[in-house]
Protein backbone atom coordinates (compact mmCIF):
# COMPACT_ATOMS: atom_id res chain seq x y z
CA UNK A 1 37.08 26.53 11.55
CA UNK A 2 34.02 24.75 10.13
CA UNK A 3 31.97 22.43 12.24
CA UNK A 4 31.25 18.93 11.04
CA UNK A 5 27.69 17.87 11.00
CA UNK A 6 26.71 14.56 12.51
CA UNK A 7 26.11 11.87 9.90
CA UNK A 8 22.49 11.24 8.96
CA UNK A 9 21.07 7.75 8.97
CA UNK A 10 21.25 6.09 5.56
CA UNK A 11 17.62 4.99 5.92
CA UNK A 12 16.36 8.54 5.37
CA UNK A 13 18.39 8.90 2.18
CA UNK A 14 17.26 5.47 0.98
CA UNK A 15 13.57 6.31 1.60
CA UNK A 16 13.96 9.57 -0.30
CA UNK A 17 15.65 7.81 -3.24
CA UNK A 18 12.98 5.11 -3.36
CA UNK A 19 10.19 7.67 -3.22
CA UNK A 20 11.73 9.56 -6.11
CA UNK A 21 12.22 6.42 -8.18
CA UNK A 22 8.83 4.82 -7.51
CA UNK A 23 6.21 4.99 -10.26
CA UNK A 24 3.66 7.68 -9.55
CA UNK A 25 0.61 5.49 -10.15
CA UNK A 26 -2.28 4.81 -7.81
CA UNK A 27 -1.32 1.11 -7.72
CA UNK A 28 2.29 1.89 -6.79
CA UNK A 29 1.12 4.22 -4.01
CA UNK A 30 -1.24 1.58 -2.60
CA UNK A 31 1.42 -1.14 -2.83
CA UNK A 32 3.95 1.05 -1.00
CA UNK A 33 1.51 1.88 1.80
CA UNK A 34 -0.33 -1.46 2.00
CA UNK A 35 1.59 -3.30 4.71
CA UNK A 36 1.74 -0.35 7.11
CA UNK A 37 -1.88 0.56 6.43
CA UNK A 38 -3.50 -2.86 6.82
CA UNK A 39 -1.01 -4.52 9.14
CA UNK A 40 1.41 -7.39 8.66
CA UNK A 41 -1.14 -10.16 9.15
CA UNK A 42 -3.46 -8.89 6.41
CA UNK A 43 -0.53 -8.00 4.14
CA UNK A 44 0.74 -11.59 4.41
CA UNK A 45 -2.61 -12.86 3.09
CA UNK A 46 -3.52 -10.16 0.54
CA UNK A 47 -1.68 -7.90 -1.88
CA UNK A 48 -2.74 -5.20 -4.36
CA UNK A 49 -1.98 -6.42 -7.90
CA UNK A 50 -3.74 -4.15 -10.40
CA UNK A 51 -5.73 -0.96 -10.79
CA UNK A 52 -8.31 0.23 -13.26
CA UNK A 53 -10.50 3.32 -13.17
CA UNK A 54 -9.77 3.98 -9.49
CA UNK A 55 -10.50 0.42 -8.34
CA UNK A 56 -7.58 -1.59 -6.94
CA UNK A 57 -7.72 -5.38 -7.21
CA UNK A 58 -6.32 -7.22 -4.19
CA UNK A 59 -5.37 -10.90 -4.49
CA UNK A 60 -6.09 -12.93 -1.36
CA UNK A 61 -4.59 -16.24 -0.29
CA UNK A 62 -8.02 -17.89 0.18
CA UNK A 63 -11.77 -17.18 -0.07
CA UNK A 64 -12.11 -16.49 3.67
CA UNK A 65 -9.64 -13.60 3.47
CA UNK A 66 -11.33 -12.25 0.33
CA UNK A 67 -14.74 -12.25 2.05
CA UNK A 68 -13.43 -10.77 5.31
CA UNK A 69 -11.56 -7.96 3.54
CA UNK A 70 -14.57 -7.23 1.35
CA UNK A 71 -16.59 -6.68 4.53
CA UNK A 72 -13.83 -4.34 5.80
CA UNK A 73 -13.54 -2.46 2.50
CA UNK A 74 -14.80 0.92 3.77
CA UNK A 75 -12.42 0.87 6.74
CA UNK A 76 -9.49 -0.07 4.50
CA UNK A 77 -10.29 2.68 1.99
CA UNK A 78 -10.58 5.23 4.80
CA UNK A 79 -7.14 4.24 6.15
CA UNK A 80 -5.67 4.45 2.66
CA UNK A 81 -7.26 7.90 2.18
CA UNK A 82 -5.70 9.12 5.42
CA UNK A 83 -2.30 7.93 4.23
CA UNK A 84 -2.46 8.60 0.47
CA UNK A 85 -4.94 11.42 0.01
CA UNK A 86 -6.10 11.71 -3.59
CA UNK A 87 -3.98 8.73 -4.66
CA UNK A 88 -6.12 6.39 -2.52
CA UNK A 89 -8.34 3.99 -4.44
CA UNK A 90 -12.03 4.74 -4.91
CA UNK A 91 -12.82 1.09 -4.30
CA UNK A 92 -11.16 -2.26 -3.61
CA UNK A 93 -12.01 -5.56 -5.27
CA UNK A 94 -10.88 -8.80 -3.68
CA UNK A 95 -10.24 -12.03 -5.51
CA UNK A 96 -8.69 -15.34 -4.62
CA UNK A 97 -5.17 -15.85 -5.93
CA UNK A 98 -4.87 -18.51 -8.62
CA UNK A 99 -2.61 -21.33 -7.53
């Protein structure tokens, strides 16, 4: 008689499917890790929007956020390195979102 295995949570299967379907670019990796890496408050005010030559551009809701995050750039890059390894950006550039 075979034993039935307990069902696995669907969230694990969904995460695996999303990881397999996600683009394998530096920008996609940063976007996927951004909220958990920087926290919900920062993520609500700033989001990674483009990447070129290892630099990720982050659009901020206002100039105060752009300045504050620019001052925190080294800390943010270090957190992203811990999470993403070689896919972490070499630098971050912050700009104010056009309204």
